[in-house]
PDB file of N, CA and C in Angstrom:
ATOM      1  N   MET A   1     -37.926 -65.013 -35.822  1.00  0.00           N
ATOM      2  CA  MET A   1     -38.533 -63.701 -35.841  1.00  0.00           C
ATOM      3  C   MET A   1     -37.758 -62.783 -34.893  1.00  0.00           C
ATOM      4  N   ALA A   2     -37.496 -61.573 -35.322  1.00  0.00           N
ATOM      5  CA  ALA A   2     -36.733 -60.621 -34.525  1.00  0.00           C
ATOM      6  C   ALA A   2     -37.595 -60.021 -33.412  1.00  0.00           C
ATOM      7  N   THR A   3     -36.968 -59.816 -32.274  1.00  0.00           N
ATOM      8  CA  THR A   3     -37.644 -59.124 -31.178  1.00  0.00           C
ATOM      9  C   THR A   3     -37.652 -57.626 -31.474  1.00  0.00           C
ATOM     10  N   ALA A   4     -38.405 -56.880 -30.677  1.00  0.00           N
ATOM     11  CA  ALA A   4     -38.506 -55.433 -30.880  1.00  0.00           C
ATOM     12  C   ALA A   4     -38.437 -54.725 -29.537  1.00  0.00           C
ATOM     13  N   LEU A   5     -37.929 -53.514 -29.560  1.00  0.00           N
ATOM     14  CA  LEU A   5     -37.801 -52.698 -28.360  1.00  0.00           C
ATOM     15  C   LEU A   5     -38.709 -51.488 -28.423  1.00  0.00           C
ATOM     16  N   TRP A   6     -39.363 -51.203 -27.306  1.00  0.00           N
ATOM     17  CA  TRP A   6     -39.987 -49.895 -27.090  1.00  0.00           C
ATOM     18  C   TRP A   6     -38.914 -49.067 -26.411  1.00  0.00           C
ATOM     19  N   ILE A   7     -38.638 -47.902 -26.925  1.00  0.00           N
ATOM     20  CA  ILE A   7     -37.694 -46.994 -26.293  1.00  0.00           C
ATOM     21  C   ILE A   7     -38.442 -45.689 -26.043  1.00  0.00           C
ATOM     22  N   ALA A   8     -38.566 -45.343 -24.769  1.00  0.00           N
ATOM     23  CA  ALA A   8     -39.307 -44.140 -24.385  1.00  0.00           C
ATOM     24  C   ALA A   8     -38.400 -43.196 -23.617  1.00  0.00           C
ATOM     25  N   HIS A   9     -38.508 -41.917 -23.944  1.00  0.00           N
ATOM     26  CA  HIS A   9     -37.813 -40.854 -23.225  1.00  0.00           C
ATOM     27  C   HIS A   9     -38.899 -39.914 -22.713  1.00  0.00           C
ATOM     28  N   VAL A  10     -38.922 -39.683 -21.397  1.00  0.00           N
ATOM     29  CA  VAL A  10     -40.070 -39.036 -20.765  1.00  0.00           C
ATOM     30  C   VAL A  10     -39.623 -37.955 -19.782  1.00  0.00           C
ATOM     31  N   THR A  11     -40.345 -36.839 -19.814  1.00  0.00           N
ATOM     32  CA  THR A  11     -40.269 -35.832 -18.762  1.00  0.00           C
ATOM     33  C   THR A  11     -41.627 -35.825 -18.089  1.00  0.00           C
ATOM     34  N   VAL A  12     -41.673 -36.219 -16.836  1.00  0.00           N
ATOM     35  CA  VAL A  12     -42.929 -36.287 -16.090  1.00  0.00           C
ATOM     36  C   VAL A  12     -43.274 -34.887 -15.569  1.00  0.00           C
ATOM     37  N   THR A  13     -44.507 -34.456 -15.836  1.00  0.00           N
ATOM     38  CA  THR A  13     -44.958 -33.144 -15.369  1.00  0.00           C
ATOM     39  C   THR A  13     -46.038 -33.247 -14.296  1.00  0.00           C
ATOM     40  N   ASP A  14     -46.626 -34.424 -14.140  1.00  0.00           N
ATOM     41  CA  ASP A  14     -47.651 -34.672 -13.119  1.00  0.00           C
ATOM     42  C   ASP A  14     -47.421 -36.084 -12.586  1.00  0.00           C
ATOM     43  N   ALA A  15     -46.699 -36.177 -11.476  1.00  0.00           N
ATOM     44  CA  ALA A  15     -46.277 -37.483 -10.955  1.00  0.00           C
ATOM     45  C   ALA A  15     -47.443 -38.377 -10.567  1.00  0.00           C
ATOM     46  N   ASP A  16     -48.506 -37.823 -10.025  1.00  0.00           N
ATOM     47  CA  ASP A  16     -49.642 -38.643  -9.602  1.00  0.00           C
ATOM     48  C   ASP A  16     -50.303 -39.332 -10.792  1.00  0.00           C
ATOM     49  N   ASN A  17     -50.638 -38.560 -11.808  1.00  0.00           N
ATOM     50  CA  ASN A  17     -51.274 -39.158 -12.980  1.00  0.00           C
ATOM     51  C   ASN A  17     -50.319 -40.068 -13.742  1.00  0.00           C
ATOM     52  N   TYR A  18     -49.044 -39.695 -13.796  1.00  0.00           N
ATOM     53  CA  TYR A  18     -48.093 -40.550 -14.489  1.00  0.00           C
ATOM     54  C   TYR A  18     -47.919 -41.878 -13.759  1.00  0.00           C
ATOM     55  N   GLY A  19     -48.007 -41.841 -12.446  1.00  0.00           N
ATOM     56  CA  GLY A  19     -47.958 -43.079 -11.669  1.00  0.00           C
ATOM     57  C   GLY A  19     -49.111 -44.009 -12.008  1.00  0.00           C
ATOM     58  N   LYS A  20     -50.300 -43.435 -12.226  1.00  0.00           N
ATOM     59  CA  LYS A  20     -51.454 -44.239 -12.645  1.00  0.00           C
ATOM     60  C   LYS A  20     -51.187 -44.866 -14.009  1.00  0.00           C
ATOM     61  N   TYR A  21     -50.638 -44.057 -14.918  1.00  0.00           N
ATOM     62  CA  TYR A  21     -50.282 -44.574 -16.241  1.00  0.00           C
ATOM     63  C   TYR A  21     -49.301 -45.742 -16.111  1.00  0.00           C
ATOM     64  N   ALA A  22     -48.229 -45.535 -15.329  1.00  0.00           N
ATOM     65  CA  ALA A  22     -47.170 -46.531 -15.226  1.00  0.00           C
ATOM     66  C   ALA A  22     -47.695 -47.865 -14.714  1.00  0.00           C
ATOM     67  N   LYS A  23     -48.579 -47.821 -13.736  1.00  0.00           N
ATOM     68  CA  LYS A  23     -49.136 -49.069 -13.190  1.00  0.00           C
ATOM     69  C   LYS A  23     -49.942 -49.813 -14.245  1.00  0.00           C
ATOM     70  N   LEU A  24     -50.826 -49.100 -14.922  1.00  0.00           N
ATOM     71  CA  LEU A  24     -51.660 -49.737 -15.949  1.00  0.00           C
ATOM     72  C   LEU A  24     -50.835 -50.166 -17.160  1.00  0.00           C
ATOM     73  N   ALA A  25     -49.875 -49.347 -17.554  1.00  0.00           N
ATOM     74  CA  ALA A  25     -49.035 -49.678 -18.710  1.00  0.00           C
ATOM     75  C   ALA A  25     -48.189 -50.913 -18.443  1.00  0.00           C
ATOM     76  N   THR A  26     -47.694 -51.054 -17.214  1.00  0.00           N
ATOM     77  CA  THR A  26     -46.899 -52.234 -16.855  1.00  0.00           C
ATOM     78  C   THR A  26     -47.687 -53.503 -17.088  1.00  0.00           C
ATOM     79  N   ASP A  27     -48.946 -53.513 -16.682  1.00  0.00           N
ATOM     80  CA  ASP A  27     -49.803 -54.683 -16.881  1.00  0.00           C
ATOM     81  C   ASP A  27     -50.054 -54.937 -18.363  1.00  0.00           C
ATOM     82  N   ALA A  28     -50.314 -53.872 -19.125  1.00  0.00           N
ATOM     83  CA  ALA A  28     -50.579 -54.022 -20.562  1.00  0.00           C
ATOM     84  C   ALA A  28     -49.348 -54.553 -21.289  1.00  0.00           C
ATOM     85  N   ILE A  29     -48.188 -54.034 -20.938  1.00  0.00           N
ATOM     86  CA  ILE A  29     -46.946 -54.473 -21.580  1.00  0.00           C
ATOM     87  C   ILE A  29     -46.693 -55.947 -21.284  1.00  0.00           C
ATOM     88  N   ALA A  30     -46.835 -56.340 -20.032  1.00  0.00           N
ATOM     89  CA  ALA A  30     -46.639 -57.752 -19.664  1.00  0.00           C
ATOM     90  C   ALA A  30     -47.619 -58.659 -20.389  1.00  0.00           C
ATOM     91  N   ALA A  31     -48.858 -58.218 -20.549  1.00  0.00           N
ATOM     92  CA  ALA A  31     -49.885 -59.022 -21.219  1.00  0.00           C
ATOM     93  C   ALA A  31     -49.554 -59.269 -22.694  1.00  0.00           C
ATOM     94  N   HIS A  32     -48.684 -58.433 -23.261  1.00  0.00           N
ATOM     95  CA  HIS A  32     -48.295 -58.594 -24.664  1.00  0.00           C
ATOM     96  C   HIS A  32     -46.878 -59.157 -24.802  1.00  0.00           C
ATOM     97  N   GLY A  33     -46.389 -59.750 -23.735  1.00  0.00           N
ATOM     98  CA  GLY A  33     -45.088 -60.397 -23.785  1.00  0.00           C
ATOM     99  C   GLY A  33     -43.910 -59.466 -23.574  1.00  0.00           C
ATOM    100  N   GLY A  34     -44.181 -58.223 -23.184  1.00  0.00           N
ATOM    101  CA  GLY A  34     -43.112 -57.262 -22.982  1.00  0.00           C
ATOM    102  C   GLY A  34     -42.436 -57.425 -21.629  1.00  0.00           C
ATOM    103  N   VAL A  35     -41.125 -57.207 -21.613  1.00  0.00           N
ATOM    104  CA  VAL A  35     -40.350 -57.215 -20.372  1.00  0.00           C
ATOM    105  C   VAL A  35     -39.478 -55.960 -20.352  1.00  0.00           C
ATOM    106  N   PHE A  36     -39.339 -55.377 -19.179  1.00  0.00           N
ATOM    107  CA  PHE A  36     -38.535 -54.166 -19.054  1.00  0.00           C
ATOM    108  C   PHE A  36     -37.058 -54.506 -18.971  1.00  0.00           C
ATOM    109  N   LEU A  37     -36.253 -53.796 -19.747  1.00  0.00           N
ATOM    110  CA  LEU A  37     -34.805 -53.926 -19.716  1.00  0.00           C
ATOM    111  C   LEU A  37     -34.177 -52.753 -18.965  1.00  0.00           C
ATOM    112  N   ALA A  38     -34.822 -51.605 -19.032  1.00  0.00           N
ATOM    113  CA  ALA A  38     -34.362 -50.403 -18.326  1.00  0.00           C
ATOM    114  C   ALA A  38     -35.598 -49.586 -17.969  1.00  0.00           C
ATOM    115  N   ARG A  39     -35.533 -49.006 -16.758  1.00  0.00           N
ATOM    116  CA  ARG A  39     -36.689 -48.235 -16.311  1.00  0.00           C
ATOM    117  C   ARG A  39     -36.225 -47.213 -15.283  1.00  0.00           C
ATOM    118  N   SER A  40     -35.933 -46.005 -15.764  1.00  0.00           N
ATOM    119  CA  SER A  40     -35.553 -44.884 -14.912  1.00  0.00           C
ATOM    120  C   SER A  40     -34.266 -45.097 -14.133  1.00  0.00           C
ATOM    121  N   GLY A  41     -33.367 -45.869 -14.685  1.00  0.00           N
ATOM    122  CA  GLY A  41     -32.078 -46.050 -14.032  1.00  0.00           C
ATOM    123  C   GLY A  41     -31.135 -44.885 -14.317  1.00  0.00           C
ATOM    124  N   ARG A  42     -29.934 -45.026 -13.846  1.00  0.00           N
ATOM    125  CA  ARG A  42     -28.923 -44.002 -14.104  1.00  0.00           C
ATOM    126  C   ARG A  42     -28.674 -43.921 -15.603  1.00  0.00           C
ATOM    127  N   TYR A  43     -28.372 -42.713 -16.065  1.00  0.00           N
ATOM    128  CA  TYR A  43     -28.110 -42.508 -17.488  1.00  0.00           C
ATOM    129  C   TYR A  43     -27.204 -41.297 -17.661  1.00  0.00           C
ATOM    130  N   GLU A  44     -26.641 -41.168 -18.846  1.00  0.00           N
ATOM    131  CA  GLU A  44     -25.887 -39.989 -19.231  1.00  0.00           C
ATOM    132  C   GLU A  44     -26.402 -39.524 -20.579  1.00  0.00           C
ATOM    133  N   GLN A  45     -26.849 -38.294 -20.659  1.00  0.00           N
ATOM    134  CA  GLN A  45     -27.358 -37.715 -21.902  1.00  0.00           C
ATOM    135  C   GLN A  45     -26.169 -37.242 -22.725  1.00  0.00           C
ATOM    136  N   LEU A  46     -25.976 -37.813 -23.894  1.00  0.00           N
ATOM    137  CA  LEU A  46     -24.849 -37.454 -24.737  1.00  0.00           C
ATOM    138  C   LEU A  46     -25.252 -36.544 -25.886  1.00  0.00           C
ATOM    139  N   GLU A  47     -26.462 -36.699 -26.396  1.00  0.00           N
ATOM    140  CA  GLU A  47     -26.953 -35.864 -27.489  1.00  0.00           C
ATOM    141  C   GLU A  47     -28.452 -35.716 -27.346  1.00  0.00           C
ATOM    142  N   GLY A  48     -29.008 -34.698 -27.983  1.00  0.00           N
ATOM    143  CA  GLY A  48     -30.452 -34.534 -28.058  1.00  0.00           C
ATOM    144  C   GLY A  48     -31.083 -34.017 -26.780  1.00  0.00           C
ATOM    145  N   THR A  49     -32.398 -34.159 -26.714  1.00  0.00           N
ATOM    146  CA  THR A  49     -33.202 -33.651 -25.614  1.00  0.00           C
ATOM    147  C   THR A  49     -33.053 -34.538 -24.389  1.00  0.00           C
ATOM    148  N   ASP A  50     -32.706 -33.923 -23.279  1.00  0.00           N
ATOM    149  CA  ASP A  50     -32.570 -34.662 -22.018  1.00  0.00           C
ATOM    150  C   ASP A  50     -33.941 -34.880 -21.409  1.00  0.00           C
ATOM    151  N   ARG A  51     -34.278 -36.115 -21.143  1.00  0.00           N
ATOM    152  CA  ARG A  51     -35.511 -36.471 -20.441  1.00  0.00           C
ATOM    153  C   ARG A  51     -35.110 -37.406 -19.308  1.00  0.00           C
ATOM    154  N   ALA A  52     -35.554 -37.093 -18.106  1.00  0.00           N
ATOM    155  CA  ALA A  52     -35.064 -37.782 -16.911  1.00  0.00           C
ATOM    156  C   ALA A  52     -35.520 -39.233 -16.792  1.00  0.00           C
ATOM    157  N   ARG A  53     -36.579 -39.603 -17.472  1.00  0.00           N
ATOM    158  CA  ARG A  53     -37.081 -40.982 -17.379  1.00  0.00           C
ATOM    159  C   ARG A  53     -36.864 -41.657 -18.725  1.00  0.00           C
ATOM    160  N   ASN A  54     -36.105 -42.742 -18.715  1.00  0.00           N
ATOM    161  CA  ASN A  54     -35.799 -43.494 -19.930  1.00  0.00           C
ATOM    162  C   ASN A  54     -36.197 -44.941 -19.691  1.00  0.00           C
ATOM    163  N   VAL A  55     -36.979 -45.481 -20.620  1.00  0.00           N
ATOM    164  CA  VAL A  55     -37.536 -46.820 -20.445  1.00  0.00           C
ATOM    165  C   VAL A  55     -37.306 -47.622 -21.724  1.00  0.00           C
ATOM    166  N   VAL A  56     -36.857 -48.876 -21.544  1.00  0.00           N
ATOM    167  CA  VAL A  56     -36.701 -49.800 -22.664  1.00  0.00           C
ATOM    168  C   VAL A  56     -37.417 -51.097 -22.294  1.00  0.00           C
ATOM    169  N   ALA A  57     -38.296 -51.538 -23.177  1.00  0.00           N
ATOM    170  CA  ALA A  57     -38.994 -52.814 -22.987  1.00  0.00           C
ATOM    171  C   ALA A  57     -38.809 -53.654 -24.244  1.00  0.00           C
ATOM    172  N   ARG A  58     -38.598 -54.950 -24.061  1.00  0.00           N
ATOM    173  CA  ARG A  58     -38.452 -55.873 -25.199  1.00  0.00           C
ATOM    174  C   ARG A  58     -39.740 -56.661 -25.381  1.00  0.00           C
ATOM    175  N   PHE A  59     -40.155 -56.787 -26.630  1.00  0.00           N
ATOM    176  CA  PHE A  59     -41.331 -57.579 -27.011  1.00  0.00           C
ATOM    177  C   PHE A  59     -40.891 -58.716 -27.919  1.00  0.00           C
ATOM    178  N   PRO A  60     -41.675 -59.784 -27.986  1.00  0.00           N
ATOM    179  CA  PRO A  60     -41.322 -60.916 -28.842  1.00  0.00           C
ATOM    180  C   PRO A  60     -41.185 -60.557 -30.324  1.00  0.00           C
ATOM    181  N   SER A  61     -41.919 -59.527 -30.763  1.00  0.00           N
ATOM    182  CA  SER A  61     -41.859 -59.130 -32.175  1.00  0.00           C
ATOM    183  C   SER A  61     -42.321 -57.685 -32.317  1.00  0.00           C
ATOM    184  N   LEU A  62     -42.049 -57.103 -33.472  1.00  0.00           N
ATOM    185  CA  LEU A  62     -42.532 -55.758 -33.784  1.00  0.00           C
ATOM    186  C   LEU A  62     -44.055 -55.727 -33.729  1.00  0.00           C
ATOM    187  N   GLN A  63     -44.687 -56.770 -34.240  1.00  0.00           N
ATOM    188  CA  GLN A  63     -46.149 -56.821 -34.229  1.00  0.00           C
ATOM    189  C   GLN A  63     -46.694 -56.862 -32.805  1.00  0.00           C
ATOM    190  N   ASP A  64     -46.056 -57.619 -31.914  1.00  0.00           N
ATOM    191  CA  ASP A  64     -46.492 -57.653 -30.515  1.00  0.00           C
ATOM    192  C   ASP A  64     -46.376 -56.268 -29.878  1.00  0.00           C
ATOM    193  N   ALA A  65     -45.304 -55.555 -30.180  1.00  0.00           N
ATOM    194  CA  ALA A  65     -45.119 -54.207 -29.638  1.00  0.00           C
ATOM    195  C   ALA A  65     -46.207 -53.261 -30.147  1.00  0.00           C
ATOM    196  N   LYS A  66     -46.512 -53.343 -31.431  1.00  0.00           N
ATOM    197  CA  LYS A  66     -47.574 -52.513 -31.998  1.00  0.00           C
ATOM    198  C   LYS A  66     -48.933 -52.900 -31.429  1.00  0.00           C
ATOM    199  N   ASP A  67     -49.187 -54.196 -31.330  1.00  0.00           N
ATOM    200  CA  ASP A  67     -50.464 -54.657 -30.772  1.00  0.00           C
ATOM    201  C   ASP A  67     -50.643 -54.153 -29.349  1.00  0.00           C
ATOM    202  N   CYS A  68     -49.563 -54.139 -28.580  1.00  0.00           N
ATOM    203  CA  CYS A  68     -49.640 -53.626 -27.218  1.00  0.00           C
ATOM    204  C   CYS A  68     -50.022 -52.156 -27.230  1.00  0.00           C
ATOM    205  N   TYR A  69     -49.322 -51.373 -28.029  1.00  0.00           N
ATOM    206  CA  TYR A  69     -49.577 -49.923 -28.061  1.00  0.00           C
ATOM    207  C   TYR A  69     -51.035 -49.622 -28.403  1.00  0.00           C
ATOM    208  N   PHE A  70     -51.575 -50.330 -29.364  1.00  0.00           N
ATOM    209  CA  PHE A  70     -52.936 -50.050 -29.821  1.00  0.00           C
ATOM    210  C   PHE A  70     -54.012 -50.843 -29.072  1.00  0.00           C
ATOM    211  N   SER A  71     -53.604 -51.624 -28.078  1.00  0.00           N
ATOM    212  CA  SER A  71     -54.580 -52.397 -27.300  1.00  0.00           C
ATOM    213  C   SER A  71     -55.445 -51.487 -26.440  1.00  0.00           C
ATOM    214  N   ASP A  72     -56.623 -51.970 -26.126  1.00  0.00           N
ATOM    215  CA  ASP A  72     -57.526 -51.202 -25.265  1.00  0.00           C
ATOM    216  C   ASP A  72     -56.894 -50.926 -23.908  1.00  0.00           C
ATOM    217  N   SER A  73     -56.174 -51.914 -23.376  1.00  0.00           N
ATOM    218  CA  SER A  73     -55.589 -51.739 -22.042  1.00  0.00           C
ATOM    219  C   SER A  73     -54.485 -50.682 -22.037  1.00  0.00           C
ATOM    220  N   TYR A  74     -53.649 -50.657 -23.069  1.00  0.00           N
ATOM    221  CA  TYR A  74     -52.598 -49.642 -23.103  1.00  0.00           C
ATOM    222  C   TYR A  74     -53.179 -48.265 -23.399  1.00  0.00           C
ATOM    223  N   GLN A  75     -54.141 -48.209 -24.291  1.00  0.00           N
ATOM    224  CA  GLN A  75     -54.765 -46.920 -24.599  1.00  0.00           C
ATOM    225  C   GLN A  75     -55.461 -46.336 -23.366  1.00  0.00           C
ATOM    226  N   ALA A  76     -56.047 -47.196 -22.536  1.00  0.00           N
ATOM    227  CA  ALA A  76     -56.645 -46.729 -21.277  1.00  0.00           C
ATOM    228  C   ALA A  76     -55.559 -46.171 -20.358  1.00  0.00           C
ATOM    229  N   ALA A  77     -54.419 -46.839 -20.292  1.00  0.00           N
ATOM    230  CA  ALA A  77     -53.300 -46.343 -19.483  1.00  0.00           C
ATOM    231  C   ALA A  77     -52.811 -45.005 -20.014  1.00  0.00           C
ATOM    232  N   LEU A  78     -52.726 -44.899 -21.319  1.00  0.00           N
ATOM    233  CA  LEU A  78     -52.187 -43.711 -21.965  1.00  0.00           C
ATOM    234  C   LEU A  78     -52.999 -42.454 -21.659  1.00  0.00           C
ATOM    235  N   THR A  79     -54.278 -42.597 -21.363  1.00  0.00           N
ATOM    236  CA  THR A  79     -55.077 -41.414 -21.037  1.00  0.00           C
ATOM    237  C   THR A  79     -54.520 -40.691 -19.810  1.00  0.00           C
ATOM    238  N   HIS A  80     -53.867 -41.419 -18.919  1.00  0.00           N
ATOM    239  CA  HIS A  80     -53.279 -40.803 -17.719  1.00  0.00           C
ATOM    240  C   HIS A  80     -51.958 -40.104 -18.030  1.00  0.00           C
ATOM    241  N   ALA A  81     -51.289 -40.503 -19.098  1.00  0.00           N
ATOM    242  CA  ALA A  81     -49.988 -39.924 -19.440  1.00  0.00           C
ATOM    243  C   ALA A  81     -50.104 -38.695 -20.332  1.00  0.00           C
ATOM    244  N   LYS A  82     -51.196 -38.563 -21.055  1.00  0.00           N
ATOM    245  CA  LYS A  82     -51.333 -37.504 -22.061  1.00  0.00           C
ATOM    246  C   LYS A  82     -51.011 -36.120 -21.517  1.00  0.00           C
ATOM    247  N   ASP A  83     -51.560 -35.741 -20.385  1.00  0.00           N
ATOM    248  CA  ASP A  83     -51.316 -34.419 -19.808  1.00  0.00           C
ATOM    249  C   ASP A  83     -50.373 -34.480 -18.609  1.00  0.00           C
ATOM    250  N   ALA A  84     -49.715 -35.607 -18.420  1.00  0.00           N
ATOM    251  CA  ALA A  84     -48.854 -35.793 -17.259  1.00  0.00           C
ATOM    252  C   ALA A  84     -47.374 -35.916 -17.632  1.00  0.00           C
ATOM    253  N   ALA A  85     -47.074 -35.855 -18.940  1.00  0.00           N
ATOM    254  CA  ALA A  85     -45.685 -36.039 -19.350  1.00  0.00           C
ATOM    255  C   ALA A  85     -45.481 -35.563 -20.784  1.00  0.00           C
ATOM    256  N   GLU A  86     -44.232 -35.239 -21.075  1.00  0.00           N
ATOM    257  CA  GLU A  86     -43.780 -35.038 -22.444  1.00  0.00           C
ATOM    258  C   GLU A  86     -43.018 -36.303 -22.791  1.00  0.00           C
ATOM    259  N   ARG A  87     -43.427 -36.968 -23.887  1.00  0.00           N
ATOM    260  CA  ARG A  87     -42.878 -38.294 -24.177  1.00  0.00           C
ATOM    261  C   ARG A  87     -42.482 -38.430 -25.632  1.00  0.00           C
ATOM    262  N   ASP A  88     -41.456 -39.213 -25.836  1.00  0.00           N
ATOM    263  CA  ASP A  88     -41.086 -39.696 -27.158  1.00  0.00           C
ATOM    264  C   ASP A  88     -41.053 -41.210 -27.034  1.00  0.00           C
ATOM    265  N   LEU A  89     -41.671 -41.893 -27.974  1.00  0.00           N
ATOM    266  CA  LEU A  89     -41.713 -43.356 -27.950  1.00  0.00           C
ATOM    267  C   LEU A  89     -41.476 -43.869 -29.359  1.00  0.00           C
ATOM    268  N   VAL A  90     -40.569 -44.825 -29.475  1.00  0.00           N
ATOM    269  CA  VAL A  90     -40.292 -45.449 -30.764  1.00  0.00           C
ATOM    270  C   VAL A  90     -40.226 -46.954 -30.559  1.00  0.00           C
ATOM    271  N   ILE A  91     -40.624 -47.702 -31.567  1.00  0.00           N
ATOM    272  CA  ILE A  91     -40.460 -49.151 -31.584  1.00  0.00           C
ATOM    273  C   ILE A  91     -39.361 -49.462 -32.600  1.00  0.00           C
ATOM    274  N   VAL A  92     -38.377 -50.233 -32.170  1.00  0.00           N
ATOM    275  CA  VAL A  92     -37.247 -50.576 -33.028  1.00  0.00           C
ATOM    276  C   VAL A  92     -37.093 -52.088 -33.056  1.00  0.00           C
ATOM    277  N   GLU A  93     -37.060 -52.649 -34.260  1.00  0.00           N
ATOM    278  CA  GLU A  93     -36.840 -54.078 -34.379  1.00  0.00           C
ATOM    279  C   GLU A  93     -35.358 -54.373 -34.159  1.00  0.00           C
ATOM    280  N   GLU A  94     -35.089 -55.402 -33.345  1.00  0.00           N
ATOM    281  CA  GLU A  94     -33.701 -55.788 -33.085  1.00  0.00           C
ATOM    282  C   GLU A  94     -33.148 -56.609 -34.241  1.00  0.00           C
ATOM    283  N   LEU A  95     -31.850 -56.648 -34.326  1.00  0.00           N
ATOM    284  CA  LEU A  95     -31.191 -57.488 -35.322  1.00  0.00           C
ATOM    285  C   LEU A  95     -31.350 -58.947 -34.941  1.00  0.00           C
ATOM    286  N   ASP A  96     -31.476 -59.808 -35.945  1.00  0.00           N
ATOM    287  CA  ASP A  96     -31.531 -61.250 -35.678  1.00  0.00           C
ATOM    288  C   ASP A  96     -30.209 -61.759 -35.197  1.00  0.00           C
TER     289      ASP A  96
END
């Protein structure tokens, strides 16, 4: 089964609330088998919209990534991010 990546590009507009989101989201992601590969490290924007926070997490499968997103624990975390950031999030299945 192919693994899947969450790829998020974020502009934080309220650091306090986004920090609450990040703490809760980290726990939810780990509970669904997710591990962070990149999290706000150095980057170079080559095309598209520049967002200062870039995050990549790997999950065991596309279904695990979706289950995490729609889980009660992640949705609770997400309430803190809704008005605290501009975000783009995509789930991409990796090649076998």
